[in-house]
Amino acid sequence: MPRAKEIQMDEVTKIWQLKAEGKIVSEISAIINRSKKSIYRVLSRGCIYKAKRRSGRPSVTNKRDDRPIQRLASTQQRLFVKFKGHRDSPLPA
């Protein structure tokens, strides 16, 4: 599912201005052409709107630690293919 565009700072100020004028959230969302949920989010956070980080399982290793692991896995895969293709190997080809 695609992520929505971040609300720009000028839109945030317009939301706060319209709210100060006494407009309700459904009217603000119609004027700005954004969902009511995003309007509520801007008003509830009370600060500059930024999209939340995506949730998910955090990585155990960092990119630097991943490189040797990937390198080891690729070399072992190549060794297995060489060994499997060897004519004297006990494994069926």
Protein backbone atom coordinates (compact mmCIF):
# COMPACT_ATOMS: atom_id res chain seq x y z
CA MET A 1 0.00 0.00 0.00
CA PRO A 2 1.56 3.33 -1.01
CA ARG A 3 2.35 5.93 1.57
CA ALA A 4 0.68 9.32 1.42
CA LYS A 5 2.70 12.45 0.82
CA GLU A 6 3.83 14.30 3.90
CA ILE A 7 1.79 17.33 4.78
CA GLN A 8 3.76 20.44 3.92
CA MET A 9 4.39 23.18 6.46
CA ASP A 10 2.09 25.63 4.67
CA GLU A 11 -0.73 23.08 4.90
CA VAL A 12 -0.08 22.65 8.63
CA THR A 13 -0.30 26.42 9.20
CA LYS A 14 -3.49 26.56 7.11
CA ILE A 15 -4.99 23.76 9.25
CA TRP A 16 -4.18 25.66 12.44
CA GLN A 17 -5.57 28.91 11.00
CA LEU A 18 -8.82 27.26 9.95
CA LYS A 19 -9.13 25.58 13.35
CA ALA A 20 -8.57 28.96 15.05
CA GLU A 21 -11.36 30.40 12.89
CA GLY A 22 -13.71 27.80 14.37
CA LYS A 23 -13.95 25.41 11.43
CA ILE A 24 -14.64 21.75 12.20
CA VAL A 25 -12.36 18.96 11.00
CA SER A 26 -14.64 17.81 8.17
CA GLU A 27 -14.74 21.38 6.78
CA ILE A 28 -10.95 21.69 7.06
CA SER A 29 -10.44 18.38 5.27
CA ALA A 30 -12.73 19.50 2.44
CA ILE A 31 -10.90 22.83 2.08
CA ILE A 32 -7.38 21.36 2.15
CA ASN A 33 -8.36 18.16 0.31
CA ARG A 34 -6.83 15.83 2.90
CA SER A 35 -8.40 13.08 4.97
CA LYS A 36 -9.96 13.81 8.35
CA LYS A 37 -7.49 11.41 9.93
CA SER A 38 -4.51 13.46 8.72
CA ILE A 39 -6.14 16.65 10.02
CA TYR A 40 -6.70 15.04 13.42
CA ARG A 41 -3.09 13.84 13.40
CA VAL A 42 -1.76 17.36 12.79
CA LEU A 43 -3.98 18.83 15.50
CA SER A 44 -3.20 16.13 18.07
CA ARG A 45 0.58 16.27 17.64
CA GLY A 46 0.65 20.01 18.10
CA CYS A 47 3.99 20.33 16.33
CA ILE A 48 5.43 20.01 12.86
CA TYR A 49 3.88 17.05 11.08
CA LYS A 50 6.24 14.27 10.06
CA ALA A 51 5.25 10.86 8.79
CA LYS A 52 5.80 8.11 11.35
CA ARG A 53 8.52 5.55 10.76
CA ARG A 54 7.21 2.32 9.43
CA SER A 55 6.81 -0.34 12.04
CA GLY A 56 8.23 -3.78 11.59
CA ARG A 57 10.73 -6.15 12.98
CA PRO A 58 13.94 -4.26 13.80
CA SER A 59 17.15 -5.48 12.22
CA VAL A 60 19.49 -7.36 14.53
CA THR A 61 22.59 -6.45 12.52
CA ASN A 62 23.61 -3.24 10.84
CA LYS A 63 24.69 -2.86 7.21
CA ARG A 64 28.36 -3.17 8.08
CA ASP A 65 27.78 -6.50 9.84
CA ASP A 66 25.60 -7.73 6.97
CA ARG A 67 28.36 -7.48 4.34
CA PRO A 68 30.60 -10.31 5.65
CA ILE A 69 27.57 -12.51 6.24
CA GLN A 70 26.38 -12.01 2.67
CA ARG A 71 29.90 -12.54 1.36
CA LEU A 72 30.24 -15.79 3.32
CA ALA A 73 26.87 -17.04 2.11
CA SER A 74 27.68 -16.32 -1.54
CA THR A 75 31.12 -17.98 -1.41
CA GLN A 76 29.73 -21.06 0.31
CA GLN A 77 27.03 -21.29 -2.32
CA ARG A 78 29.68 -21.18 -5.06
CA LEU A 79 31.76 -23.81 -3.27
CA PHE A 80 28.74 -26.10 -2.99
CA VAL A 81 28.04 -25.75 -6.71
CA LYS A 82 31.70 -26.53 -7.53
CA PHE A 83 31.68 -29.53 -5.17
CA LYS A 84 28.37 -30.83 -6.50
CA GLY A 85 29.60 -30.61 -10.07
CA HIS A 86 32.89 -32.43 -9.34
CA ARG A 87 33.01 -35.85 -11.02
CA ASP A 88 34.40 -37.70 -7.98
CA SER A 89 31.86 -36.25 -5.57
CA PRO A 90 29.69 -38.70 -3.68
CA LEU A 91 26.64 -36.45 -4.26
CA PRO A 92 24.47 -37.23 -7.27
CA ALA A 93 24.86 -34.59 -9.99
